[in-house]
PDB file of N, CA and C in Angstrom:
ATOM      1  N   MET A   1     -14.349   6.563   2.371  1.00  0.00           N
ATOM      2  CA  MET A   1     -14.838   7.097   1.119  1.00  0.00           C
ATOM      3  C   MET A   1     -15.077   5.936   0.147  1.00  0.00           C
ATOM      4  N   GLU A   2     -16.212   5.963  -0.497  1.00  0.00           N
ATOM      5  CA  GLU A   2     -16.564   4.894  -1.425  1.00  0.00           C
ATOM      6  C   GLU A   2     -15.915   5.131  -2.787  1.00  0.00           C
ATOM      7  N   LYS A   3     -15.405   4.078  -3.355  1.00  0.00           N
ATOM      8  CA  LYS A   3     -14.764   4.169  -4.666  1.00  0.00           C
ATOM      9  C   LYS A   3     -15.847   4.191  -5.741  1.00  0.00           C
ATOM     10  N   LEU A   4     -15.545   4.853  -6.845  1.00  0.00           N
ATOM     11  CA  LEU A   4     -16.484   4.994  -7.950  1.00  0.00           C
ATOM     12  C   LEU A   4     -16.016   4.186  -9.149  1.00  0.00           C
ATOM     13  N   LYS A   5     -16.960   3.547  -9.812  1.00  0.00           N
ATOM     14  CA  LYS A   5     -16.636   2.828 -11.045  1.00  0.00           C
ATOM     15  C   LYS A   5     -16.920   3.751 -12.218  1.00  0.00           C
ATOM     16  N   VAL A   6     -15.948   3.813 -13.121  1.00  0.00           N
ATOM     17  CA  VAL A   6     -16.032   4.707 -14.266  1.00  0.00           C
ATOM     18  C   VAL A   6     -15.647   3.935 -15.515  1.00  0.00           C
ATOM     19  N   ASN A   7     -16.368   4.181 -16.587  1.00  0.00           N
ATOM     20  CA  ASN A   7     -15.998   3.629 -17.886  1.00  0.00           C
ATOM     21  C   ASN A   7     -15.578   4.788 -18.778  1.00  0.00           C
ATOM     22  N   VAL A   8     -14.386   4.703 -19.330  1.00  0.00           N
ATOM     23  CA  VAL A   8     -13.939   5.708 -20.293  1.00  0.00           C
ATOM     24  C   VAL A   8     -13.647   5.015 -21.612  1.00  0.00           C
ATOM     25  N   VAL A   9     -13.897   5.734 -22.685  1.00  0.00           N
ATOM     26  CA  VAL A   9     -13.650   5.206 -24.031  1.00  0.00           C
ATOM     27  C   VAL A   9     -12.465   5.952 -24.617  1.00  0.00           C
ATOM     28  N   ILE A  10     -11.452   5.180 -25.002  1.00  0.00           N
ATOM     29  CA  ILE A  10     -10.265   5.741 -25.653  1.00  0.00           C
ATOM     30  C   ILE A  10     -10.017   4.951 -26.925  1.00  0.00           C
ATOM     31  N   ALA A  11      -9.952   5.659 -28.037  1.00  0.00           N
ATOM     32  CA  ALA A  11      -9.704   5.050 -29.347  1.00  0.00           C
ATOM     33  C   ALA A  11     -10.712   3.942 -29.642  1.00  0.00           C
ATOM     34  N   GLY A  12     -11.957   4.162 -29.235  1.00  0.00           N
ATOM     35  CA  GLY A  12     -13.014   3.207 -29.547  1.00  0.00           C
ATOM     36  C   GLY A  12     -13.107   2.022 -28.605  1.00  0.00           C
ATOM     37  N   ARG A  13     -12.271   1.959 -27.612  1.00  0.00           N
ATOM     38  CA  ARG A  13     -12.308   0.862 -26.645  1.00  0.00           C
ATOM     39  C   ARG A  13     -12.740   1.392 -25.286  1.00  0.00           C
ATOM     40  N   THR A  14     -13.530   0.610 -24.585  1.00  0.00           N
ATOM     41  CA  THR A  14     -14.009   0.988 -23.264  1.00  0.00           C
ATOM     42  C   THR A  14     -13.092   0.409 -22.198  1.00  0.00           C
ATOM     43  N   TYR A  15     -12.722   1.262 -21.253  1.00  0.00           N
ATOM     44  CA  TYR A  15     -11.854   0.850 -20.156  1.00  0.00           C
ATOM     45  C   TYR A  15     -12.565   1.108 -18.833  1.00  0.00           C
ATOM     46  N   PRO A  16     -12.858   0.036 -18.084  1.00  0.00           N
ATOM     47  CA  PRO A  16     -13.467   0.225 -16.769  1.00  0.00           C
ATOM     48  C   PRO A  16     -12.393   0.594 -15.746  1.00  0.00           C
ATOM     49  N   LEU A  17     -12.665   1.635 -14.988  1.00  0.00           N
ATOM     50  CA  LEU A  17     -11.711   2.117 -13.994  1.00  0.00           C
ATOM     51  C   LEU A  17     -12.400   2.264 -12.643  1.00  0.00           C
ATOM     52  N   ILE A  18     -11.623   2.258 -11.601  1.00  0.00           N
ATOM     53  CA  ILE A  18     -12.126   2.549 -10.266  1.00  0.00           C
ATOM     54  C   ILE A  18     -11.344   3.746  -9.752  1.00  0.00           C
ATOM     55  N   VAL A  19     -12.068   4.779  -9.328  1.00  0.00           N
ATOM     56  CA  VAL A  19     -11.436   6.009  -8.850  1.00  0.00           C
ATOM     57  C   VAL A  19     -11.870   6.272  -7.414  1.00  0.00           C
ATOM     58  N   ASN A  20     -11.132   7.150  -6.749  1.00  0.00           N
ATOM     59  CA  ASN A  20     -11.373   7.419  -5.341  1.00  0.00           C
ATOM     60  C   ASN A  20     -12.347   8.558  -5.062  1.00  0.00           C
ATOM     61  N   SER A  21     -12.582   9.413  -6.064  1.00  0.00           N
ATOM     62  CA  SER A  21     -13.442  10.569  -5.813  1.00  0.00           C
ATOM     63  C   SER A  21     -14.059  11.066  -7.113  1.00  0.00           C
ATOM     64  N   GLU A  22     -15.018  11.968  -6.964  1.00  0.00           N
ATOM     65  CA  GLU A  22     -15.631  12.576  -8.142  1.00  0.00           C
ATOM     66  C   GLU A  22     -14.623  13.443  -8.895  1.00  0.00           C
ATOM     67  N   LEU A  23     -13.700  14.023  -8.155  1.00  0.00           N
ATOM     68  CA  LEU A  23     -12.653  14.816  -8.797  1.00  0.00           C
ATOM     69  C   LEU A  23     -11.778  13.945  -9.686  1.00  0.00           C
ATOM     70  N   GLU A  24     -11.404  12.767  -9.192  1.00  0.00           N
ATOM     71  CA  GLU A  24     -10.633  11.822 -10.017  1.00  0.00           C
ATOM     72  C   GLU A  24     -11.442  11.380 -11.224  1.00  0.00           C
ATOM     73  N   GLU A  25     -12.733  11.147 -11.030  1.00  0.00           N
ATOM     74  CA  GLU A  25     -13.593  10.751 -12.146  1.00  0.00           C
ATOM     75  C   GLU A  25     -13.597  11.842 -13.217  1.00  0.00           C
ATOM     76  N   GLU A  26     -13.766  13.081 -12.789  1.00  0.00           N
ATOM     77  CA  GLU A  26     -13.764  14.199 -13.727  1.00  0.00           C
ATOM     78  C   GLU A  26     -12.433  14.284 -14.465  1.00  0.00           C
ATOM     79  N   GLY A  27     -11.343  14.095 -13.722  1.00  0.00           N
ATOM     80  CA  GLY A  27     -10.016  14.122 -14.337  1.00  0.00           C
ATOM     81  C   GLY A  27      -9.837  13.017 -15.367  1.00  0.00           C
ATOM     82  N   MET A  28     -10.293  11.814 -15.042  1.00  0.00           N
ATOM     83  CA  MET A  28     -10.183  10.682 -15.983  1.00  0.00           C
ATOM     84  C   MET A  28     -10.994  10.948 -17.244  1.00  0.00           C
ATOM     85  N   ARG A  29     -12.196  11.441 -17.063  1.00  0.00           N
ATOM     86  CA  ARG A  29     -13.051  11.720 -18.233  1.00  0.00           C
ATOM     87  C   ARG A  29     -12.451  12.825 -19.104  1.00  0.00           C
ATOM     88  N   LYS A  30     -11.924  13.849 -18.468  1.00  0.00           N
ATOM     89  CA  LYS A  30     -11.300  14.939 -19.226  1.00  0.00           C
ATOM     90  C   LYS A  30     -10.060  14.431 -19.964  1.00  0.00           C
ATOM     91  N   ALA A  31      -9.255  13.614 -19.297  1.00  0.00           N
ATOM     92  CA  ALA A  31      -8.064  13.050 -19.939  1.00  0.00           C
ATOM     93  C   ALA A  31      -8.453  12.194 -21.143  1.00  0.00           C
ATOM     94  N   ALA A  32      -9.495  11.383 -20.992  1.00  0.00           N
ATOM     95  CA  ALA A  32      -9.956  10.544 -22.108  1.00  0.00           C
ATOM     96  C   ALA A  32     -10.411  11.410 -23.274  1.00  0.00           C
ATOM     97  N   ARG A  33     -11.128  12.505 -22.979  1.00  0.00           N
ATOM     98  CA  ARG A  33     -11.562  13.421 -24.044  1.00  0.00           C
ATOM     99  C   ARG A  33     -10.360  14.030 -24.756  1.00  0.00           C
ATOM    100  N   LEU A  34      -9.366  14.458 -23.973  1.00  0.00           N
ATOM    101  CA  LEU A  34      -8.162  15.047 -24.574  1.00  0.00           C
ATOM    102  C   LEU A  34      -7.438  14.040 -25.466  1.00  0.00           C
ATOM    103  N   ILE A  35      -7.324  12.816 -24.996  1.00  0.00           N
ATOM    104  CA  ILE A  35      -6.664  11.765 -25.786  1.00  0.00           C
ATOM    105  C   ILE A  35      -7.432  11.517 -27.074  1.00  0.00           C
ATOM    106  N   ASN A  36      -8.750  11.380 -26.973  1.00  0.00           N
ATOM    107  CA  ASN A  36      -9.558  11.123 -28.165  1.00  0.00           C
ATOM    108  C   ASN A  36      -9.484  12.283 -29.159  1.00  0.00           C
ATOM    109  N   ASN A  37      -9.465  13.512 -28.662  1.00  0.00           N
ATOM    110  CA  ASN A  37      -9.322  14.667 -29.552  1.00  0.00           C
ATOM    111  C   ASN A  37      -7.956  14.672 -30.236  1.00  0.00           C
ATOM    112  N   LEU A  38      -6.926  14.313 -29.489  1.00  0.00           N
ATOM    113  CA  LEU A  38      -5.585  14.254 -30.066  1.00  0.00           C
ATOM    114  C   LEU A  38      -5.482  13.135 -31.101  1.00  0.00           C
ATOM    115  N   ILE A  39      -6.099  11.998 -30.814  1.00  0.00           N
ATOM    116  CA  ILE A  39      -6.134  10.888 -31.773  1.00  0.00           C
ATOM    117  C   ILE A  39      -6.787  11.351 -33.071  1.00  0.00           C
ATOM    118  N   LEU A  40      -7.928  12.004 -32.952  1.00  0.00           N
ATOM    119  CA  LEU A  40      -8.649  12.504 -34.124  1.00  0.00           C
ATOM    120  C   LEU A  40      -7.778  13.482 -34.907  1.00  0.00           C
ATOM    121  N   ASN A  41      -7.102  14.369 -34.194  1.00  0.00           N
ATOM    122  CA  ASN A  41      -6.219  15.340 -34.830  1.00  0.00           C
ATOM    123  C   ASN A  41      -5.087  14.648 -35.597  1.00  0.00           C
ATOM    124  N   PHE A  42      -4.441  13.674 -34.953  1.00  0.00           N
ATOM    125  CA  PHE A  42      -3.357  12.954 -35.619  1.00  0.00           C
ATOM    126  C   PHE A  42      -3.873  12.191 -36.839  1.00  0.00           C
ATOM    127  N   GLU A  43      -5.023  11.552 -36.723  1.00  0.00           N
ATOM    128  CA  GLU A  43      -5.575  10.778 -37.844  1.00  0.00           C
ATOM    129  C   GLU A  43      -5.958  11.679 -39.010  1.00  0.00           C
ATOM    130  N   GLN A  44      -6.423  12.887 -38.711  1.00  0.00           N
ATOM    131  CA  GLN A  44      -6.816  13.809 -39.775  1.00  0.00           C
ATOM    132  C   GLN A  44      -5.619  14.469 -40.456  1.00  0.00           C
ATOM    133  N   ASN A  45      -4.549  14.674 -39.700  1.00  0.00           N
ATOM    134  CA  ASN A  45      -3.423  15.436 -40.234  1.00  0.00           C
ATOM    135  C   ASN A  45      -2.231  14.597 -40.685  1.00  0.00           C
ATOM    136  N   TYR A  46      -2.215  13.338 -40.314  1.00  0.00           N
ATOM    137  CA  TYR A  46      -1.090  12.472 -40.685  1.00  0.00           C
ATOM    138  C   TYR A  46      -1.634  11.172 -41.261  1.00  0.00           C
ATOM    139  N   ALA A  47      -0.863  10.575 -42.144  1.00  0.00           N
ATOM    140  CA  ALA A  47      -1.268   9.302 -42.750  1.00  0.00           C
ATOM    141  C   ALA A  47      -0.868   8.173 -41.811  1.00  0.00           C
ATOM    142  N   VAL A  48      -1.653   7.988 -40.760  1.00  0.00           N
ATOM    143  CA  VAL A  48      -1.361   6.961 -39.768  1.00  0.00           C
ATOM    144  C   VAL A  48      -2.478   5.927 -39.835  1.00  0.00           C
ATOM    145  N   ALA A  49      -2.109   4.705 -40.151  1.00  0.00           N
ATOM    146  CA  ALA A  49      -3.106   3.656 -40.300  1.00  0.00           C
ATOM    147  C   ALA A  49      -3.289   2.831 -39.031  1.00  0.00           C
ATOM    148  N   ASP A  50      -2.246   2.733 -38.243  1.00  0.00           N
ATOM    149  CA  ASP A  50      -2.263   1.857 -37.070  1.00  0.00           C
ATOM    150  C   ASP A  50      -2.589   2.653 -35.807  1.00  0.00           C
ATOM    151  N   LYS A  51      -3.602   2.216 -35.066  1.00  0.00           N
ATOM    152  CA  LYS A  51      -3.992   2.893 -33.815  1.00  0.00           C
ATOM    153  C   LYS A  51      -2.849   2.909 -32.821  1.00  0.00           C
ATOM    154  N   GLN A  52      -2.021   1.878 -32.806  1.00  0.00           N
ATOM    155  CA  GLN A  52      -0.899   1.839 -31.877  1.00  0.00           C
ATOM    156  C   GLN A  52       0.060   2.994 -32.144  1.00  0.00           C
ATOM    157  N   ASP A  53       0.288   3.304 -33.411  1.00  0.00           N
ATOM    158  CA  ASP A  53       1.150   4.435 -33.755  1.00  0.00           C
ATOM    159  C   ASP A  53       0.536   5.748 -33.275  1.00  0.00           C
ATOM    160  N   VAL A  54      -0.765   5.884 -33.457  1.00  0.00           N
ATOM    161  CA  VAL A  54      -1.455   7.102 -33.022  1.00  0.00           C
ATOM    162  C   VAL A  54      -1.381   7.226 -31.502  1.00  0.00           C
ATOM    163  N   LEU A  55      -1.607   6.117 -30.802  1.00  0.00           N
ATOM    164  CA  LEU A  55      -1.534   6.143 -29.338  1.00  0.00           C
ATOM    165  C   LEU A  55      -0.118   6.449 -28.859  1.00  0.00           C
ATOM    166  N   ALA A  56       0.883   5.932 -29.558  1.00  0.00           N
ATOM    167  CA  ALA A  56       2.271   6.241 -29.205  1.00  0.00           C
ATOM    168  C   ALA A  56       2.552   7.729 -29.401  1.00  0.00           C
ATOM    169  N   MET A  57       2.027   8.303 -30.472  1.00  0.00           N
ATOM    170  CA  MET A  57       2.193   9.731 -30.720  1.00  0.00           C
ATOM    171  C   MET A  57       1.506  10.549 -29.622  1.00  0.00           C
ATOM    172  N   CYS A  58       0.336  10.104 -29.189  1.00  0.00           N
ATOM    173  CA  CYS A  58      -0.374  10.779 -28.094  1.00  0.00           C
ATOM    174  C   CYS A  58       0.438  10.706 -26.804  1.00  0.00           C
ATOM    175  N   ALA A  59       0.952   9.528 -26.501  1.00  0.00           N
ATOM    176  CA  ALA A  59       1.755   9.351 -25.286  1.00  0.00           C
ATOM    177  C   ALA A  59       2.974  10.273 -25.316  1.00  0.00           C
ATOM    178  N   LEU A  60       3.637  10.340 -26.460  1.00  0.00           N
ATOM    179  CA  LEU A  60       4.799  11.210 -26.598  1.00  0.00           C
ATOM    180  C   LEU A  60       4.414  12.673 -26.409  1.00  0.00           C
ATOM    181  N   GLN A  61       3.300  13.070 -26.981  1.00  0.00           N
ATOM    182  CA  GLN A  61       2.829  14.459 -26.859  1.00  0.00           C
ATOM    183  C   GLN A  61       2.585  14.822 -25.392  1.00  0.00           C
ATOM    184  N   PHE A  62       1.847  13.968 -24.678  1.00  0.00           N
ATOM    185  CA  PHE A  62       1.535  14.253 -23.282  1.00  0.00           C
ATOM    186  C   PHE A  62       2.784  14.181 -22.406  1.00  0.00           C
ATOM    187  N   ALA A  63       3.621  13.180 -22.619  1.00  0.00           N
ATOM    188  CA  ALA A  63       4.832  13.031 -21.811  1.00  0.00           C
ATOM    189  C   ALA A  63       5.794  14.198 -22.040  1.00  0.00           C
ATOM    190  N   SER A  64       5.926  14.634 -23.282  1.00  0.00           N
ATOM    191  CA  SER A  64       6.838  15.746 -23.562  1.00  0.00           C
ATOM    192  C   SER A  64       6.319  17.038 -22.941  1.00  0.00           C
ATOM    193  N   LYS A  65       5.011  17.268 -22.960  1.00  0.00           N
ATOM    194  CA  LYS A  65       4.458  18.458 -22.311  1.00  0.00           C
ATOM    195  C   LYS A  65       4.722  18.413 -20.809  1.00  0.00           C
ATOM    196  N   LEU A  66       4.564  17.258 -20.217  1.00  0.00           N
ATOM    197  CA  LEU A  66       4.819  17.097 -18.790  1.00  0.00           C
ATOM    198  C   LEU A  66       6.282  17.386 -18.469  1.00  0.00           C
ATOM    199  N   GLU A  67       7.188  16.851 -19.268  1.00  0.00           N
ATOM    200  CA  GLU A  67       8.615  17.065 -19.042  1.00  0.00           C
ATOM    201  C   GLU A  67       9.010  18.522 -19.258  1.00  0.00           C
ATOM    202  N   ILE A  68       8.468  19.135 -20.294  1.00  0.00           N
ATOM    203  CA  ILE A  68       8.762  20.551 -20.560  1.00  0.00           C
ATOM    204  C   ILE A  68       8.276  21.404 -19.400  1.00  0.00           C
ATOM    205  N   ASN A  69       7.063  21.132 -18.896  1.00  0.00           N
ATOM    206  CA  ASN A  69       6.544  21.872 -17.749  1.00  0.00           C
ATOM    207  C   ASN A  69       7.414  21.660 -16.517  1.00  0.00           C
ATOM    208  N   SER A  70       7.856  20.432 -16.316  1.00  0.00           N
ATOM    209  CA  SER A  70       8.722  20.122 -15.178  1.00  0.00           C
ATOM    210  C   SER A  70      10.043  20.879 -15.276  1.00  0.00           C
ATOM    211  N   LEU A  71      10.641  20.891 -16.453  1.00  0.00           N
ATOM    212  CA  LEU A  71      11.896  21.613 -16.654  1.00  0.00           C
ATOM    213  C   LEU A  71      11.710  23.115 -16.451  1.00  0.00           C
ATOM    214  N   GLN A  72      10.605  23.640 -16.961  1.00  0.00           N
ATOM    215  CA  GLN A  72      10.316  25.072 -16.813  1.00  0.00           C
ATOM    216  C   GLN A  72      10.094  25.428 -15.347  1.00  0.00           C
ATOM    217  N   THR A  73       9.358  24.590 -14.626  1.00  0.00           N
ATOM    218  CA  THR A  73       9.108  24.821 -13.201  1.00  0.00           C
ATOM    219  C   THR A  73      10.408  24.782 -12.418  1.00  0.00           C
ATOM    220  N   SER A  74      11.259  23.820 -12.743  1.00  0.00           N
ATOM    221  CA  SER A  74      12.556  23.711 -12.074  1.00  0.00           C
ATOM    222  C   SER A  74      13.401  24.947 -12.337  1.00  0.00           C
ATOM    223  N   LYS A  75      13.401  25.416 -13.567  1.00  0.00           N
ATOM    224  CA  LYS A  75      14.170  26.606 -13.924  1.00  0.00           C
ATOM    225  C   LYS A  75      13.640  27.820 -13.171  1.00  0.00           C
ATOM    226  N   GLU A  76      12.318  27.961 -13.123  1.00  0.00           N
ATOM    227  CA  GLU A  76      11.722  29.092 -12.422  1.00  0.00           C
ATOM    228  C   GLU A  76      12.012  29.025 -10.927  1.00  0.00           C
ATOM    229  N   ALA A  77      11.959  27.830 -10.353  1.00  0.00           N
ATOM    230  CA  ALA A  77      12.262  27.671  -8.928  1.00  0.00           C
ATOM    231  C   ALA A  77      13.701  28.062  -8.637  1.00  0.00           C
ATOM    232  N   THR A  78      14.615  27.684  -9.515  1.00  0.00           N
ATOM    233  CA  THR A  78      16.016  28.052  -9.351  1.00  0.00           C
ATOM    234  C   THR A  78      16.188  29.564  -9.429  1.00  0.00           C
ATOM    235  N   GLU A  79      15.502  30.191 -10.377  1.00  0.00           N
ATOM    236  CA  GLU A  79      15.590  31.643 -10.516  1.00  0.00           C
ATOM    237  C   GLU A  79      15.041  32.347  -9.280  1.00  0.00           C
ATOM    238  N   VAL A  80      13.927  31.854  -8.747  1.00  0.00           N
ATOM    239  CA  VAL A  80      13.333  32.439  -7.539  1.00  0.00           C
ATOM    240  C   VAL A  80      14.282  32.270  -6.362  1.00  0.00           C
ATOM    241  N   LEU A  81      14.845  31.082  -6.219  1.00  0.00           N
ATOM    242  CA  LEU A  81      15.787  30.825  -5.125  1.00  0.00           C
ATOM    243  C   LEU A  81      17.009  31.738  -5.224  1.00  0.00           C
ATOM    244  N   ASN A  82      17.521  31.903  -6.427  1.00  0.00           N
ATOM    245  CA  ASN A  82      18.665  32.803  -6.625  1.00  0.00           C
ATOM    246  C   ASN A  82      18.305  34.244  -6.256  1.00  0.00           C
ATOM    247  N   LYS A  83      17.126  34.668  -6.633  1.00  0.00           N
ATOM    248  CA  LYS A  83      16.681  36.024  -6.322  1.00  0.00           C
ATOM    249  C   LYS A  83      16.498  36.199  -4.818  1.00  0.00           C
ATOM    250  N   VAL A  84      15.930  35.207  -4.145  1.00  0.00           N
ATOM    251  CA  VAL A  84      15.764  35.267  -2.692  1.00  0.00           C
ATOM    252  C   VAL A  84      17.132  35.337  -2.012  1.00  0.00           C
ATOM    253  N   ASN A  85      18.077  34.531  -2.473  1.00  0.00           N
ATOM    254  CA  ASN A  85      19.436  34.568  -1.921  1.00  0.00           C
ATOM    255  C   ASN A  85      20.081  35.932  -2.125  1.00  0.00           C
ATOM    256  N   GLU A  86      19.887  36.491  -3.306  1.00  0.00           N
ATOM    257  CA  GLU A  86      20.433  37.813  -3.604  1.00  0.00           C
ATOM    258  C   GLU A  86      19.837  38.870  -2.673  1.00  0.00           C
ATOM    259  N   LEU A  87      18.528  38.812  -2.488  1.00  0.00           N
ATOM    260  CA  LEU A  87      17.863  39.768  -1.595  1.00  0.00           C
ATOM    261  C   LEU A  87      18.305  39.573  -0.146  1.00  0.00           C
ATOM    262  N   THR A  88      18.502  38.336   0.255  1.00  0.00           N
ATOM    263  CA  THR A  88      18.972  38.040   1.614  1.00  0.00           C
ATOM    264  C   THR A  88      20.349  38.639   1.838  1.00  0.00           C
ATOM    265  N   HIS A  89      21.227  38.482   0.853  1.00  0.00           N
ATOM    266  CA  HIS A  89      22.570  39.065   0.960  1.00  0.00           C
ATOM    267  C   HIS A  89      22.503  40.591   1.018  1.00  0.00           C
ATOM    268  N   MET A  90      21.613  41.185   0.225  1.00  0.00           N
ATOM    269  CA  MET A  90      21.464  42.641   0.244  1.00  0.00           C
ATOM    270  C   MET A  90      20.979  43.112   1.614  1.00  0.00           C
ATOM    271  N   LEU A  91      20.020  42.386   2.189  1.00  0.00           N
ATOM    272  CA  LEU A  91      19.512  42.743   3.513  1.00  0.00           C
ATOM    273  C   LEU A  91      20.590  42.575   4.577  1.00  0.00           C
ATOM    274  N   ASP A  92      21.325  41.466   4.476  1.00  0.00           N
ATOM    275  CA  ASP A  92      22.422  41.248   5.432  1.00  0.00           C
ATOM    276  C   ASP A  92      23.447  42.383   5.353  1.00  0.00           C
ATOM    277  N   ASP A  93      23.811  42.769   4.143  1.00  0.00           N
ATOM    278  CA  ASP A  93      24.784  43.850   3.961  1.00  0.00           C
ATOM    279  C   ASP A  93      24.249  45.167   4.504  1.00  0.00           C
ATOM    280  N   HIS A  94      22.986  45.414   4.304  1.00  0.00           N
ATOM    281  CA  HIS A  94      22.365  46.667   4.750  1.00  0.00           C
ATOM    282  C   HIS A  94      22.248  46.714   6.272  1.00  0.00           C
ATOM    283  N   LEU A  95      21.981  45.575   6.890  1.00  0.00           N
ATOM    284  CA  LEU A  95      21.792  45.541   8.339  1.00  0.00           C
ATOM    285  C   LEU A  95      23.097  45.484   9.119  1.00  0.00           C
ATOM    286  N   LYS A  96      24.200  45.269   8.459  1.00  0.00           N
ATOM    287  CA  LYS A  96      25.502  45.192   9.160  1.00  0.00           C
ATOM    288  C   LYS A  96      26.008  46.556   9.530  1.00  0.00           C
TER     289      LYS A  96
END
């Protein structure tokens, strides 16, 4: 598979990237759009003068969403596993 060269602009700077597929390219472009929209939102709603501060706020926003989703998924998996175990015990009791 041929690698693709992609240029994305984040906070006014262009970053050349190499991706493995069109799907990765689409993902990179969408991520760059989300970051730029979040930067614009932070700049409009907060008195932030330094781009580094805005980028740090963006990183925190994305990382915290990822962690929250991970924690929620883990909690749901535990609940499903507990329910499956409960049902297994009920079936075992019924079949005895």
